[in-house]
Amino acid sequence: MFLGKKLSIIGLALALGAGSVVLAQQVQPANPAAGPQQPQRRAFARRMMRRRARMGMLRGLRQLNLTDQQKQQARSIVQTNFQSTQAQRQELRKLMEQRRAGPLDANGIARAKELRGQMRESRKAVRAQLAALLTPDQKAKLEELRKARRANHPRMRRGQAL
């Protein structure tokens, strides 16, 4: 009987030991909190990209030594454009969410294309308004900056960034 108790205790200890070894060998994430934060990181990255894109219109103007009045007018132009295109951006965002959920129908594809065209035209209009604020010297400097940027980034030749 005493031997039976010893064997059962040894068997139980071996079973627990083997179970803990198996659990220890399972792959554990390096940072358990990293999993749920991934969508938050992506959302943050998207917000930052949008912010940079909005500021991108003004970024090229920073090197032109604008007067305070020109800076204020440029901010007003960009802000007005941002507000006027908000409904279009929201509708386009909804269409893109629908596309992620499943394929869009022909009407959805056509509407997204139309919205992108409207946004493109709006950006061109803003670019023209911002260019109208500049003095001839500032316009010449802006053209030099564009040429330098295109020379450094040949893949961006298609776009006409300000």
N, C-alpha and C. Protein backbone atom coordinates (compact mmCIF):
# COMPACT_ATOMS: atom_id res chain seq x y z
N MET A 1 0.82 -1.18 0.00
CA MET A 1 0.00 0.00 0.00
C MET A 1 0.86 1.25 0.00
N PHE A 2 1.90 1.21 0.80
CA PHE A 2 2.80 2.33 0.85
C PHE A 2 3.45 2.54 -0.51
N LEU A 3 3.81 1.48 -1.20
CA LEU A 3 4.40 1.54 -2.52
C LEU A 3 3.38 2.09 -3.54
N GLY A 4 2.14 1.73 -3.40
CA GLY A 4 1.08 2.21 -4.28
C GLY A 4 0.91 3.72 -4.16
N LYS A 5 0.98 4.26 -2.92
CA LYS A 5 0.87 5.70 -2.73
C LYS A 5 2.05 6.41 -3.37
N LYS A 6 3.26 5.84 -3.21
CA LYS A 6 4.45 6.45 -3.78
C LYS A 6 4.35 6.48 -5.31
N LEU A 7 3.91 5.39 -5.88
CA LEU A 7 3.78 5.33 -7.34
C LEU A 7 2.73 6.31 -7.85
N SER A 8 1.63 6.43 -7.13
CA SER A 8 0.59 7.37 -7.59
C SER A 8 1.07 8.81 -7.44
N ILE A 9 1.81 9.11 -6.40
CA ILE A 9 2.33 10.48 -6.22
C ILE A 9 3.38 10.76 -7.30
N ILE A 10 4.25 9.81 -7.59
CA ILE A 10 5.26 9.99 -8.64
C ILE A 10 4.58 10.15 -10.00
N GLY A 11 3.56 9.36 -10.25
CA GLY A 11 2.82 9.46 -11.52
C GLY A 11 2.15 10.82 -11.65
N LEU A 12 1.55 11.29 -10.56
CA LEU A 12 0.90 12.60 -10.57
C LEU A 12 1.93 13.70 -10.79
N ALA A 13 3.08 13.61 -10.14
CA ALA A 13 4.14 14.60 -10.29
C ALA A 13 4.66 14.61 -11.73
N LEU A 14 4.83 13.43 -12.32
CA LEU A 14 5.28 13.35 -13.71
C LEU A 14 4.26 13.95 -14.67
N ALA A 15 3.00 13.69 -14.42
CA ALA A 15 1.95 14.23 -15.27
C ALA A 15 1.92 15.76 -15.19
N LEU A 16 2.02 16.30 -13.98
CA LEU A 16 2.04 17.76 -13.82
C LEU A 16 3.30 18.35 -14.45
N GLY A 17 4.42 17.71 -14.28
CA GLY A 17 5.67 18.18 -14.86
C GLY A 17 5.63 18.18 -16.37
N ALA A 18 5.11 17.11 -16.95
CA ALA A 18 5.01 17.02 -18.41
C ALA A 18 4.04 18.07 -18.95
N GLY A 19 2.94 18.28 -18.22
CA GLY A 19 1.97 19.29 -18.64
C GLY A 19 2.56 20.70 -18.61
N SER A 20 3.34 20.99 -17.59
CA SER A 20 3.94 22.32 -17.50
C SER A 20 5.00 22.52 -18.58
N VAL A 21 5.72 21.45 -18.94
CA VAL A 21 6.71 21.55 -20.02
C VAL A 21 6.01 21.81 -21.34
N VAL A 22 4.90 21.14 -21.59
CA VAL A 22 4.16 21.35 -22.83
C VAL A 22 3.63 22.78 -22.89
N LEU A 23 3.08 23.28 -21.80
CA LEU A 23 2.58 24.65 -21.79
C LEU A 23 3.71 25.66 -21.95
N ALA A 24 4.85 25.39 -21.36
CA ALA A 24 5.98 26.30 -21.47
C ALA A 24 6.52 26.36 -22.89
N GLN A 25 6.37 25.28 -23.66
CA GLN A 25 6.90 25.24 -25.01
C GLN A 25 5.96 25.86 -26.03
N GLN A 26 4.71 26.15 -25.65
CA GLN A 26 3.80 26.78 -26.59
C GLN A 26 4.28 28.19 -26.88
N VAL A 27 4.10 28.64 -28.10
CA VAL A 27 4.56 29.96 -28.52
C VAL A 27 3.72 31.02 -27.83
N GLN A 28 4.37 31.86 -27.10
CA GLN A 28 3.73 32.97 -26.42
C GLN A 28 4.11 34.26 -27.16
N PRO A 29 3.18 35.17 -27.35
CA PRO A 29 3.55 36.43 -27.99
C PRO A 29 4.54 37.19 -27.11
N ALA A 30 5.48 37.85 -27.74
CA ALA A 30 6.49 38.60 -27.00
C ALA A 30 5.85 39.69 -26.15
N ASN A 31 4.84 40.32 -26.71
CA ASN A 31 4.14 41.37 -25.98
C ASN A 31 2.65 41.05 -26.06
N PRO A 32 2.06 40.50 -25.01
CA PRO A 32 0.66 40.10 -25.09
C PRO A 32 -0.28 41.25 -25.41
N ALA A 33 0.10 42.45 -25.07
CA ALA A 33 -0.77 43.60 -25.34
C ALA A 33 -0.66 44.07 -26.78
N ALA A 34 0.33 43.56 -27.55
CA ALA A 34 0.55 44.03 -28.92
C ALA A 34 -0.58 43.61 -29.85
N GLY A 35 -1.20 42.48 -29.61
CA GLY A 35 -2.26 42.00 -30.49
C GLY A 35 -3.43 42.97 -30.60
N PRO A 36 -4.08 43.32 -29.50
CA PRO A 36 -5.22 44.21 -29.59
C PRO A 36 -4.85 45.63 -30.02
N GLN A 37 -3.58 46.04 -29.88
CA GLN A 37 -3.21 47.40 -30.22
C GLN A 37 -2.95 47.58 -31.70
N GLN A 38 -2.82 46.52 -32.47
CA GLN A 38 -2.54 46.64 -33.89
C GLN A 38 -3.55 47.53 -34.61
N PRO A 39 -4.86 47.31 -34.45
CA PRO A 39 -5.80 48.20 -35.13
C PRO A 39 -5.66 49.65 -34.68
N GLN A 40 -5.32 49.87 -33.41
CA GLN A 40 -5.13 51.23 -32.93
C GLN A 40 -3.92 51.87 -33.59
N ARG A 41 -2.86 51.09 -33.77
CA ARG A 41 -1.68 51.62 -34.43
C ARG A 41 -1.97 51.98 -35.88
N ARG A 42 -2.73 51.10 -36.55
CA ARG A 42 -3.08 51.39 -37.95
C ARG A 42 -3.94 52.64 -38.03
N ALA A 43 -4.89 52.78 -37.12
CA ALA A 43 -5.75 53.96 -37.12
C ALA A 43 -4.91 55.22 -36.87
N PHE A 44 -3.97 55.14 -35.94
CA PHE A 44 -3.10 56.28 -35.66
C PHE A 44 -2.27 56.62 -36.90
N ALA A 45 -1.74 55.60 -37.56
CA ALA A 45 -0.94 55.83 -38.76
C ALA A 45 -1.77 56.48 -39.85
N ARG A 46 -3.03 56.03 -40.01
CA ARG A 46 -3.91 56.65 -41.01
C ARG A 46 -4.16 58.12 -40.68
N ARG A 47 -4.41 58.40 -39.39
CA ARG A 47 -4.65 59.80 -39.00
C ARG A 47 -3.43 60.67 -39.29
N MET A 48 -2.26 60.13 -39.01
CA MET A 48 -1.04 60.89 -39.26
C MET A 48 -0.83 61.11 -40.76
N MET A 49 -1.14 60.10 -41.57
CA MET A 49 -0.99 60.26 -43.01
C MET A 49 -1.96 61.32 -43.53
N ARG A 50 -3.18 61.32 -43.02
CA ARG A 50 -4.14 62.34 -43.44
C ARG A 50 -3.67 63.73 -43.04
N ARG A 51 -3.15 63.83 -41.82
CA ARG A 51 -2.67 65.13 -41.34
C ARG A 51 -1.52 65.61 -42.21
N ARG A 52 -0.59 64.71 -42.55
CA ARG A 52 0.52 65.10 -43.41
C ARG A 52 0.03 65.49 -44.79
N ALA A 53 -0.98 64.78 -45.28
CA ALA A 53 -1.51 65.10 -46.61
C ALA A 53 -2.15 66.49 -46.60
N ARG A 54 -2.89 66.79 -45.54
CA ARG A 54 -3.52 68.12 -45.44
C ARG A 54 -2.44 69.19 -45.35
N MET A 55 -1.43 68.92 -44.55
CA MET A 55 -0.37 69.90 -44.38
C MET A 55 0.57 69.92 -45.59
N GLY A 56 0.49 68.91 -46.42
CA GLY A 56 1.36 68.83 -47.58
C GLY A 56 1.18 70.01 -48.51
N MET A 57 -0.04 70.52 -48.58
CA MET A 57 -0.28 71.68 -49.43
C MET A 57 0.47 72.89 -48.90
N LEU A 58 0.58 72.99 -47.60
CA LEU A 58 1.27 74.13 -47.02
C LEU A 58 2.76 73.88 -46.84
N ARG A 59 3.17 72.61 -46.83
CA ARG A 59 4.56 72.28 -46.58
C ARG A 59 5.48 72.92 -47.61
N GLY A 60 5.08 72.88 -48.88
CA GLY A 60 5.90 73.48 -49.92
C GLY A 60 5.99 74.98 -49.80
N LEU A 61 5.00 75.59 -49.18
CA LEU A 61 4.99 77.04 -49.04
C LEU A 61 5.88 77.52 -47.90
N ARG A 62 6.23 76.65 -46.99
CA ARG A 62 7.03 77.06 -45.82
C ARG A 62 8.39 77.59 -46.20
N GLN A 63 8.95 77.09 -47.28
CA GLN A 63 10.28 77.51 -47.69
C GLN A 63 10.28 78.78 -48.52
N LEU A 64 9.11 79.38 -48.70
CA LEU A 64 8.99 80.54 -49.57
C LEU A 64 8.98 81.86 -48.81
N ASN A 65 9.16 81.82 -47.50
CA ASN A 65 9.16 83.03 -46.67
C ASN A 65 7.90 83.86 -46.89
N LEU A 66 6.76 83.24 -46.66
CA LEU A 66 5.48 83.94 -46.82
C LEU A 66 5.31 84.99 -45.73
N THR A 67 4.59 86.04 -46.08
CA THR A 67 4.25 87.04 -45.07
C THR A 67 3.15 86.46 -44.18
N ASP A 68 2.91 87.09 -43.05
CA ASP A 68 1.86 86.63 -42.14
C ASP A 68 0.50 86.65 -42.84
N GLN A 69 0.27 87.67 -43.65
CA GLN A 69 -1.00 87.78 -44.37
C GLN A 69 -1.15 86.63 -45.37
N GLN A 70 -0.07 86.30 -46.09
CA GLN A 70 -0.12 85.19 -47.04
C GLN A 70 -0.36 83.86 -46.32
N LYS A 71 0.30 83.69 -45.16
CA LYS A 71 0.09 82.46 -44.39
C LYS A 71 -1.36 82.33 -43.95
N GLN A 72 -1.93 83.42 -43.49
CA GLN A 72 -3.32 83.39 -43.04
C GLN A 72 -4.26 83.08 -44.21
N GLN A 73 -4.02 83.70 -45.36
CA GLN A 73 -4.85 83.44 -46.53
C GLN A 73 -4.71 81.99 -46.98
N ALA A 74 -3.50 81.46 -46.96
CA ALA A 74 -3.28 80.07 -47.36
C ALA A 74 -4.02 79.12 -46.41
N ARG A 75 -3.92 79.38 -45.11
CA ARG A 75 -4.64 78.53 -44.15
C ARG A 75 -6.14 78.60 -44.39
N SER A 76 -6.63 79.78 -44.68
CA SER A 76 -8.06 79.95 -44.94
C SER A 76 -8.50 79.17 -46.18
N ILE A 77 -7.70 79.24 -47.23
CA ILE A 77 -8.01 78.52 -48.47
C ILE A 77 -8.05 77.01 -48.21
N VAL A 78 -7.03 76.50 -47.54
CA VAL A 78 -6.96 75.06 -47.28
C VAL A 78 -8.10 74.63 -46.36
N GLN A 79 -8.39 75.42 -45.33
CA GLN A 79 -9.48 75.07 -44.40
C GLN A 79 -10.83 75.08 -45.11
N THR A 80 -11.06 76.06 -45.95
CA THR A 80 -12.31 76.13 -46.70
C THR A 80 -12.46 74.91 -47.60
N ASN A 81 -11.38 74.53 -48.29
CA ASN A 81 -11.41 73.35 -49.14
C ASN A 81 -11.68 72.10 -48.32
N PHE A 82 -11.04 72.01 -47.18
CA PHE A 82 -11.22 70.83 -46.31
C PHE A 82 -12.68 70.70 -45.90
N GLN A 83 -13.30 71.81 -45.52
CA GLN A 83 -14.69 71.77 -45.10
C GLN A 83 -15.63 71.50 -46.27
N SER A 84 -15.33 72.06 -47.43
CA SER A 84 -16.22 71.89 -48.57
C SER A 84 -16.17 70.47 -49.15
N THR A 85 -15.09 69.77 -48.94
CA THR A 85 -14.97 68.41 -49.48
C THR A 85 -15.24 67.33 -48.43
N GLN A 86 -15.67 67.73 -47.25
CA GLN A 86 -15.88 66.77 -46.17
C GLN A 86 -16.94 65.73 -46.54
N ALA A 87 -18.05 66.15 -47.12
CA ALA A 87 -19.11 65.21 -47.48
C ALA A 87 -18.61 64.21 -48.53
N GLN A 88 -17.83 64.70 -49.49
CA GLN A 88 -17.28 63.82 -50.52
C GLN A 88 -16.33 62.80 -49.91
N ARG A 89 -15.48 63.26 -48.99
CA ARG A 89 -14.54 62.35 -48.36
C ARG A 89 -15.26 61.29 -47.53
N GLN A 90 -16.31 61.69 -46.83
CA GLN A 90 -17.07 60.72 -46.03
C GLN A 90 -17.75 59.69 -46.92
N GLU A 91 -18.33 60.15 -48.02
CA GLU A 91 -18.99 59.21 -48.94
C GLU A 91 -17.97 58.25 -49.55
N LEU A 92 -16.82 58.77 -49.92
CA LEU A 92 -15.77 57.92 -50.47
C LEU A 92 -15.28 56.92 -49.43
N ARG A 93 -15.17 57.37 -48.19
CA ARG A 93 -14.75 56.46 -47.10
C ARG A 93 -15.76 55.33 -46.92
N LYS A 94 -17.06 55.65 -47.00
CA LYS A 94 -18.10 54.61 -46.88
C LYS A 94 -18.01 53.61 -48.03
N LEU A 95 -17.77 54.12 -49.23
CA LEU A 95 -17.62 53.22 -50.38
C LEU A 95 -16.41 52.31 -50.22
N MET A 96 -15.32 52.84 -49.67
CA MET A 96 -14.14 52.01 -49.46
C MET A 96 -14.38 50.95 -48.38
N GLU A 97 -15.15 51.30 -47.37
CA GLU A 97 -15.50 50.31 -46.35
C GLU A 97 -16.36 49.21 -46.95
N GLN A 98 -17.29 49.59 -47.83
CA GLN A 98 -18.12 48.60 -48.50
C GLN A 98 -17.25 47.69 -49.37
N ARG A 99 -16.24 48.28 -50.02
CA ARG A 99 -15.35 47.48 -50.87
C ARG A 99 -14.54 46.49 -50.04
N ARG A 100 -14.14 46.89 -48.85
CA ARG A 100 -13.40 45.97 -47.98
C ARG A 100 -14.29 44.82 -47.54
N ALA A 101 -15.58 45.10 -47.35
CA ALA A 101 -16.51 44.07 -46.91
C ALA A 101 -16.87 43.11 -48.05
N GLY A 102 -16.83 43.58 -49.26
CA GLY A 102 -17.18 42.76 -50.42
C GLY A 102 -17.06 43.60 -51.67
N PRO A 103 -17.20 43.00 -52.82
CA PRO A 103 -17.03 43.75 -54.06
C PRO A 103 -18.13 44.80 -54.24
N LEU A 104 -17.75 45.94 -54.80
CA LEU A 104 -18.71 47.00 -55.10
C LEU A 104 -19.43 46.69 -56.40
N ASP A 105 -20.66 47.16 -56.50
CA ASP A 105 -21.38 47.02 -57.76
C ASP A 105 -20.90 48.12 -58.72
N ALA A 106 -21.39 48.10 -59.94
CA ALA A 106 -20.94 49.05 -60.96
C ALA A 106 -21.25 50.49 -60.56
N ASN A 107 -22.40 50.71 -59.92
CA ASN A 107 -22.75 52.06 -59.49
C ASN A 107 -21.79 52.57 -58.42
N GLY A 108 -21.41 51.71 -57.50
CA GLY A 108 -20.47 52.10 -56.46
C GLY A 108 -19.10 52.43 -57.02
N ILE A 109 -18.66 51.63 -57.97
CA ILE A 109 -17.36 51.89 -58.60
C ILE A 109 -17.39 53.21 -59.36
N ALA A 110 -18.48 53.44 -60.09
CA ALA A 110 -18.60 54.69 -60.85
C ALA A 110 -18.66 55.89 -59.90
N ARG A 111 -19.39 55.75 -58.80
CA ARG A 111 -19.50 56.85 -57.84
C ARG A 111 -18.14 57.15 -57.20
N ALA A 112 -17.39 56.13 -56.85
CA ALA A 112 -16.07 56.33 -56.25
C ALA A 112 -15.14 57.04 -57.24
N LYS A 113 -15.22 56.64 -58.49
CA LYS A 113 -14.40 57.28 -59.52
C LYS A 113 -14.78 58.75 -59.68
N GLU A 114 -16.08 59.00 -59.66
CA GLU A 114 -16.57 60.38 -59.77
C GLU A 114 -16.10 61.22 -58.58
N LEU A 115 -16.20 60.66 -57.38
CA LEU A 115 -15.76 61.39 -56.19
C LEU A 115 -14.27 61.68 -56.23
N ARG A 116 -13.49 60.71 -56.67
CA ARG A 116 -12.04 60.94 -56.77
C ARG A 116 -11.74 62.07 -57.77
N GLY A 117 -12.47 62.08 -58.87
CA GLY A 117 -12.30 63.15 -59.85
C GLY A 117 -12.65 64.51 -59.28
N GLN A 118 -13.74 64.58 -58.51
CA GLN A 118 -14.13 65.83 -57.87
C GLN A 118 -13.06 66.30 -56.89
N MET A 119 -12.52 65.35 -56.13
CA MET A 119 -11.48 65.70 -55.16
C MET A 119 -10.22 66.19 -55.88
N ARG A 120 -9.88 65.56 -56.98
CA ARG A 120 -8.71 65.97 -57.76
C ARG A 120 -8.89 67.39 -58.28
N GLU A 121 -10.08 67.68 -58.80
CA GLU A 121 -10.36 69.04 -59.31
C GLU A 121 -10.31 70.05 -58.17
N SER A 122 -10.80 69.67 -57.03
CA SER A 122 -10.76 70.56 -55.87
C SER A 122 -9.32 70.86 -55.47
N ARG A 123 -8.46 69.85 -55.48
CA ARG A 123 -7.05 70.06 -55.14
C ARG A 123 -6.38 70.98 -56.17
N LYS A 124 -6.73 70.81 -57.44
CA LYS A 124 -6.18 71.69 -58.48
C LYS A 124 -6.60 73.13 -58.24
N ALA A 125 -7.87 73.32 -57.88
CA ALA A 125 -8.37 74.68 -57.62
C ALA A 125 -7.64 75.30 -56.42
N VAL A 126 -7.41 74.52 -55.38
CA VAL A 126 -6.69 75.03 -54.21
C VAL A 126 -5.27 75.39 -54.60
N ARG A 127 -4.64 74.53 -55.39
CA ARG A 127 -3.28 74.80 -55.83
C ARG A 127 -3.22 76.12 -56.62
N ALA A 128 -4.22 76.35 -57.47
CA ALA A 128 -4.26 77.59 -58.26
C ALA A 128 -4.48 78.79 -57.35
N GLN A 129 -5.36 78.65 -56.35
CA GLN A 129 -5.60 79.75 -55.42
C GLN A 129 -4.35 80.08 -54.61
N LEU A 130 -3.64 79.03 -54.18
CA LEU A 130 -2.42 79.26 -53.41
C LEU A 130 -1.34 79.90 -54.27
N ALA A 131 -1.26 79.48 -55.52
CA ALA A 131 -0.27 80.06 -56.43
C ALA A 131 -0.58 81.54 -56.68
N ALA A 132 -1.85 81.90 -56.67
CA ALA A 132 -2.23 83.30 -56.90
C ALA A 132 -1.80 84.20 -55.75
N LEU A 133 -1.56 83.64 -54.58
CA LEU A 133 -1.12 84.43 -53.43
C LEU A 133 0.34 84.84 -53.53
N LEU A 134 1.12 84.11 -54.31
CA LEU A 134 2.56 84.27 -54.31
C LEU A 134 3.03 85.44 -55.17
N THR A 135 4.15 86.01 -54.75
CA THR A 135 4.79 87.04 -55.55
C THR A 135 5.58 86.35 -56.67
N PRO A 136 6.00 87.09 -57.70
CA PRO A 136 6.78 86.47 -58.77
C PRO A 136 8.07 85.79 -58.26
N ASP A 137 8.75 86.39 -57.28
CA ASP A 137 9.96 85.77 -56.73
C ASP A 137 9.62 84.45 -56.03
N GLN A 138 8.53 84.44 -55.29
CA GLN A 138 8.11 83.23 -54.59
C GLN A 138 7.71 82.15 -55.58
N LYS A 139 7.06 82.55 -56.67
CA LYS A 139 6.68 81.57 -57.70
C LYS A 139 7.92 80.95 -58.34
N ALA A 140 8.95 81.77 -58.58
CA ALA A 140 10.19 81.25 -59.16
C ALA A 140 10.85 80.28 -58.19
N LYS A 141 10.89 80.63 -56.92
CA LYS A 141 11.49 79.74 -55.92
C LYS A 141 10.69 78.43 -55.82
N LEU A 142 9.35 78.54 -55.88
CA LEU A 142 8.50 77.35 -55.84
C LEU A 142 8.80 76.44 -57.03
N GLU A 143 8.98 77.01 -58.19
CA GLU A 143 9.29 76.21 -59.38
C GLU A 143 10.65 75.52 -59.21
N GLU A 144 11.62 76.21 -58.62
CA GLU A 144 12.91 75.58 -58.34
C GLU A 144 12.76 74.40 -57.38
N LEU A 145 11.96 74.59 -56.34
CA LEU A 145 11.72 73.51 -55.37
C LEU A 145 11.05 72.31 -56.03
N ARG A 146 10.11 72.59 -56.92
CA ARG A 146 9.43 71.49 -57.64
C ARG A 146 10.42 70.71 -58.50
N LYS A 147 11.27 71.45 -59.21
CA LYS A 147 12.25 70.78 -60.07
C LYS A 147 13.20 69.93 -59.24
N ALA A 148 13.63 70.46 -58.11
CA ALA A 148 14.54 69.71 -57.24
C ALA A 148 13.84 68.47 -56.69
N ARG A 149 12.59 68.62 -56.33
CA ARG A 149 11.84 67.47 -55.80
C ARG A 149 11.66 66.40 -56.87
N ARG A 150 11.34 66.82 -58.08
CA ARG A 150 11.16 65.84 -59.16
C ARG A 150 12.47 65.15 -59.49
N ALA A 151 13.57 65.88 -59.41
CA ALA A 151 14.87 65.28 -59.69
C ALA A 151 15.22 64.25 -58.62
N ASN A 152 14.84 64.52 -57.38
CA ASN A 152 15.14 63.61 -56.28
C ASN A 152 14.16 62.45 -56.19
N HIS A 153 12.97 62.63 -56.73
CA HIS A 153 11.92 61.62 -56.65
C HIS A 153 11.34 61.38 -58.03
N PRO A 154 12.02 60.64 -58.87
CA PRO A 154 11.54 60.46 -60.25
C PRO A 154 10.20 59.76 -60.33
N ARG A 155 9.84 58.95 -59.36
CA ARG A 155 8.57 58.25 -59.43
C ARG A 155 7.39 59.19 -59.20
N MET A 156 7.65 60.41 -58.75
CA MET A 156 6.58 61.34 -58.45
C MET A 156 6.36 62.33 -59.60
N ARG A 157 6.91 62.06 -60.73
CA ARG A 157 6.78 63.00 -61.86
C ARG A 157 5.33 63.14 -62.30
N ARG A 158 4.54 62.12 -62.11
CA ARG A 158 3.15 62.15 -62.59
C ARG A 158 2.34 63.20 -61.85
N GLY A 159 2.54 63.32 -60.53
CA GLY A 159 1.78 64.27 -59.75
C GLY A 159 2.38 65.65 -59.83
N GLN A 160 1.58 66.64 -59.53
CA GLN A 160 2.06 68.00 -59.52
C GLN A 160 1.85 68.57 -58.14
N ALA A 161 2.74 68.23 -57.24
CA ALA A 161 2.62 68.68 -55.86
C ALA A 161 3.04 70.13 -55.77
N LEU A 162 2.46 70.83 -54.83
CA LEU A 162 2.78 72.24 -54.62
C LEU A 162 3.90 72.33 -53.64
